N, C-alpha and C. Protein backbone atom coordinates (compact mmCIF):
# COMPACT_ATOMS: atom_id res chain seq x y z
N MET A 1 0.85 -1.20 -0.18
CA MET A 1 -0.02 0.09 -0.08
C MET A 1 0.95 1.31 0.04
N SER A 2 0.54 2.20 -0.93
CA SER A 2 1.26 3.39 -0.98
C SER A 2 0.51 4.35 -0.09
N ALA A 3 1.19 5.07 0.98
CA ALA A 3 0.42 6.12 1.74
C ALA A 3 1.37 7.45 1.64
N THR A 4 0.50 8.51 1.69
CA THR A 4 1.22 9.80 1.64
C THR A 4 1.08 10.34 3.16
N LEU A 5 2.41 10.95 3.47
CA LEU A 5 2.53 11.66 4.78
C LEU A 5 2.23 13.04 4.38
N ASP A 6 1.25 13.65 5.01
CA ASP A 6 0.91 14.95 4.73
C ASP A 6 1.29 15.94 5.93
N THR A 7 1.72 17.28 5.75
CA THR A 7 1.95 18.01 6.81
C THR A 7 1.19 19.28 6.74
N LEU A 8 0.77 19.83 7.86
CA LEU A 8 -0.05 21.04 7.85
C LEU A 8 0.65 21.98 9.00
N HIS A 9 0.92 23.14 8.47
CA HIS A 9 1.49 24.25 9.29
C HIS A 9 0.43 25.24 9.74
N THR A 10 0.15 25.09 10.91
CA THR A 10 -0.99 25.96 11.42
C THR A 10 -0.78 26.46 12.88
N ASP A 11 -1.02 27.78 13.18
CA ASP A 11 -0.83 28.26 14.64
C ASP A 11 0.36 27.91 15.28
N GLY A 12 1.51 27.95 14.42
CA GLY A 12 2.82 27.78 14.99
C GLY A 12 3.20 26.35 15.30
N ARG A 13 2.36 25.51 14.68
CA ARG A 13 2.62 24.06 14.95
C ARG A 13 2.65 23.38 13.66
N ILE A 14 3.34 22.13 13.65
CA ILE A 14 3.33 21.32 12.41
C ILE A 14 2.45 20.03 12.82
N VAL A 15 1.60 19.68 11.99
CA VAL A 15 0.84 18.54 12.17
C VAL A 15 1.04 17.49 11.10
N PHE A 16 1.48 16.26 11.41
CA PHE A 16 1.62 15.21 10.53
C PHE A 16 0.36 14.38 10.35
N SER A 17 0.07 13.86 9.16
CA SER A 17 -1.24 13.18 8.98
C SER A 17 -0.88 12.05 8.00
N PHE A 18 -1.40 10.80 8.21
CA PHE A 18 -1.23 9.79 7.21
C PHE A 18 -2.36 8.83 7.59
N PRO A 19 -2.85 7.88 6.63
CA PRO A 19 -4.02 7.18 6.80
C PRO A 19 -3.62 6.00 7.84
N GLU A 20 -4.63 5.83 8.59
CA GLU A 20 -4.51 4.83 9.76
C GLU A 20 -4.17 3.44 9.20
N LYS A 21 -4.65 3.15 8.02
CA LYS A 21 -4.34 1.84 7.47
C LYS A 21 -2.78 1.80 7.15
N ALA A 22 -2.00 2.92 7.07
CA ALA A 22 -0.61 2.83 6.63
C ALA A 22 0.22 2.29 7.84
N LEU A 23 -0.29 2.26 9.08
CA LEU A 23 0.47 1.90 10.25
C LEU A 23 -0.34 0.95 11.02
N PRO A 24 0.01 -0.36 10.89
CA PRO A 24 -0.82 -1.40 11.65
C PRO A 24 -0.94 -0.98 13.08
N HIS A 25 -2.01 -1.18 13.73
CA HIS A 25 -2.46 -0.81 15.08
C HIS A 25 -1.37 -1.41 16.20
N ALA A 26 -0.83 -2.59 15.93
CA ALA A 26 0.25 -3.20 16.70
C ALA A 26 1.57 -2.36 16.78
N ASP A 27 1.74 -1.53 15.63
CA ASP A 27 3.05 -0.78 15.55
C ASP A 27 2.84 0.71 16.12
N GLU A 28 1.67 1.02 16.28
CA GLU A 28 1.33 2.44 16.69
C GLU A 28 2.07 2.95 17.98
N ALA A 29 2.02 2.22 19.01
CA ALA A 29 2.63 2.55 20.20
C ALA A 29 4.20 2.57 20.09
N SER A 30 4.79 1.79 19.27
CA SER A 30 6.29 1.88 19.18
C SER A 30 6.67 3.04 18.22
N PHE A 31 5.85 3.28 17.23
CA PHE A 31 5.96 4.46 16.29
C PHE A 31 5.95 5.83 17.13
N ILE A 32 5.03 5.79 17.99
CA ILE A 32 4.71 7.17 18.76
C ILE A 32 6.01 7.36 19.69
N ALA A 33 6.33 6.18 20.40
CA ALA A 33 7.52 6.22 21.28
C ALA A 33 8.75 6.60 20.56
N PHE A 34 8.94 6.16 19.35
CA PHE A 34 10.11 6.42 18.58
C PHE A 34 10.10 8.02 18.20
N VAL A 35 8.93 8.52 17.90
CA VAL A 35 8.92 9.92 17.59
C VAL A 35 9.12 10.82 18.82
N LYS A 36 8.55 10.44 19.90
CA LYS A 36 8.85 11.13 21.08
C LYS A 36 10.22 11.05 21.58
N ALA A 37 10.88 9.93 21.33
CA ALA A 37 12.29 9.78 21.72
C ALA A 37 13.15 10.69 20.83
N GLU A 38 12.87 10.67 19.59
CA GLU A 38 13.57 11.59 18.62
C GLU A 38 13.33 13.02 19.03
N TRP A 39 12.21 13.43 19.29
CA TRP A 39 11.89 14.83 19.65
C TRP A 39 12.69 15.18 20.91
N THR A 40 12.53 14.40 21.96
CA THR A 40 13.25 14.61 23.23
C THR A 40 14.83 14.81 22.79
N ALA A 41 15.45 13.87 22.14
CA ALA A 41 16.73 14.08 21.89
C ALA A 41 17.12 15.26 21.20
N ARG A 42 16.31 15.73 20.29
CA ARG A 42 16.48 16.92 19.63
C ARG A 42 16.35 18.27 20.52
N GLN A 43 15.62 18.04 21.51
CA GLN A 43 15.47 19.19 22.41
C GLN A 43 16.57 19.14 23.42
N SER A 44 17.32 18.36 23.54
CA SER A 44 18.40 18.10 24.47
C SER A 44 19.35 19.22 24.44
N ARG A 45 19.91 19.68 25.48
CA ARG A 45 21.01 20.61 25.34
C ARG A 45 22.43 19.95 25.57
N PHE A 46 22.34 18.63 25.70
CA PHE A 46 23.75 17.98 25.56
C PHE A 46 24.45 18.05 24.41
N SER A 47 25.79 18.39 24.63
CA SER A 47 26.62 18.52 23.52
C SER A 47 27.10 17.07 23.21
N GLN A 48 27.78 16.83 22.12
CA GLN A 48 28.33 15.51 21.81
C GLN A 48 29.30 15.09 22.84
N GLN A 49 30.13 16.11 23.23
CA GLN A 49 30.94 15.81 24.37
C GLN A 49 30.37 15.31 25.65
N ASP A 50 29.17 16.04 26.04
CA ASP A 50 28.48 15.67 27.15
C ASP A 50 27.89 14.22 27.04
N ALA A 51 27.43 13.92 25.91
CA ALA A 51 26.83 12.60 25.69
C ALA A 51 27.80 11.51 25.75
N GLU A 52 28.99 11.79 25.30
CA GLU A 52 30.16 10.79 25.25
C GLU A 52 30.62 10.55 26.75
N ALA A 53 30.65 11.69 27.54
CA ALA A 53 31.07 11.54 28.94
C ALA A 53 30.01 10.74 29.77
N LEU A 54 28.85 10.97 29.37
CA LEU A 54 27.78 10.18 30.16
C LEU A 54 27.87 8.70 29.86
N ALA A 55 27.88 8.47 28.49
CA ALA A 55 28.08 7.09 27.98
C ALA A 55 29.21 6.38 28.67
N GLN A 56 30.21 7.01 28.76
CA GLN A 56 31.48 6.46 29.41
C GLN A 56 31.18 6.14 30.93
N GLU A 57 30.55 7.08 31.48
CA GLU A 57 30.21 6.87 33.00
C GLU A 57 29.23 5.55 33.19
N VAL A 58 28.24 5.57 32.16
CA VAL A 58 27.33 4.51 32.45
C VAL A 58 27.97 3.14 32.07
N ASP A 59 28.82 3.16 30.97
CA ASP A 59 29.68 1.93 30.80
C ASP A 59 30.38 1.44 31.94
N SER A 60 31.17 2.43 32.39
CA SER A 60 32.04 2.03 33.71
C SER A 60 31.19 1.54 34.95
N SER A 61 30.07 2.11 34.99
CA SER A 61 29.25 1.79 36.11
C SER A 61 28.68 0.35 35.91
N TRP A 62 28.37 0.07 34.63
CA TRP A 62 27.69 -1.32 34.37
C TRP A 62 28.85 -2.25 34.55
N TRP A 63 29.99 -2.07 34.04
CA TRP A 63 31.10 -3.01 34.16
C TRP A 63 31.43 -3.25 35.58
N SER A 64 31.47 -2.20 36.26
CA SER A 64 31.69 -2.38 37.89
C SER A 64 30.71 -3.39 38.45
N ARG A 65 29.36 -3.14 38.01
CA ARG A 65 28.26 -4.06 38.65
C ARG A 65 28.35 -5.42 38.04
N ASN A 66 28.84 -5.59 36.84
CA ASN A 66 28.61 -6.94 36.16
C ASN A 66 29.93 -7.67 35.96
N ARG A 67 31.14 -7.01 36.30
CA ARG A 67 32.36 -7.68 36.02
C ARG A 67 32.39 -9.11 36.37
N GLU A 68 32.11 -9.58 37.58
CA GLU A 68 32.26 -10.71 38.16
C GLU A 68 31.39 -11.79 37.42
N ARG A 69 30.29 -11.31 37.11
CA ARG A 69 29.28 -12.28 36.47
C ARG A 69 29.75 -12.54 35.06
N ILE A 70 30.22 -11.58 34.34
CA ILE A 70 30.68 -11.77 33.01
C ILE A 70 31.93 -12.72 32.94
N LEU A 71 32.92 -12.34 33.78
CA LEU A 71 34.03 -13.07 33.86
C LEU A 71 33.90 -14.56 34.22
N ALA A 72 32.94 -14.87 35.07
CA ALA A 72 32.67 -16.21 35.72
C ALA A 72 31.97 -16.88 34.39
N GLN A 73 31.22 -16.26 33.50
CA GLN A 73 30.60 -16.88 32.37
C GLN A 73 31.75 -17.21 31.42
N VAL A 74 32.69 -16.26 31.20
CA VAL A 74 33.77 -16.50 30.25
C VAL A 74 34.62 -17.73 30.81
N ASP A 75 34.95 -17.76 31.91
CA ASP A 75 35.77 -18.82 32.49
C ASP A 75 35.10 -20.07 32.58
N ALA A 76 33.72 -20.22 32.64
CA ALA A 76 33.14 -21.42 32.60
C ALA A 76 33.01 -21.99 31.13
N GLY A 77 32.93 -21.08 30.18
CA GLY A 77 32.80 -21.37 28.80
C GLY A 77 33.82 -22.11 28.12
């Protein structure tokens, strides 16, 4: 099925519109979550450097919490 994505610019807002049949009902929630996540990321004031520092901090914390479990699995393998 070919579907058209329409946009309407009104009252300082952009409204997207497409036929309901173009998006299976089962996919609706994940599509909306994707759009919200993308919107949130674009509104973020994080610089690339801030994001990389946070990622490093999260990675280090994860490794500290999971190191023994992972190494035990590697040794057992």
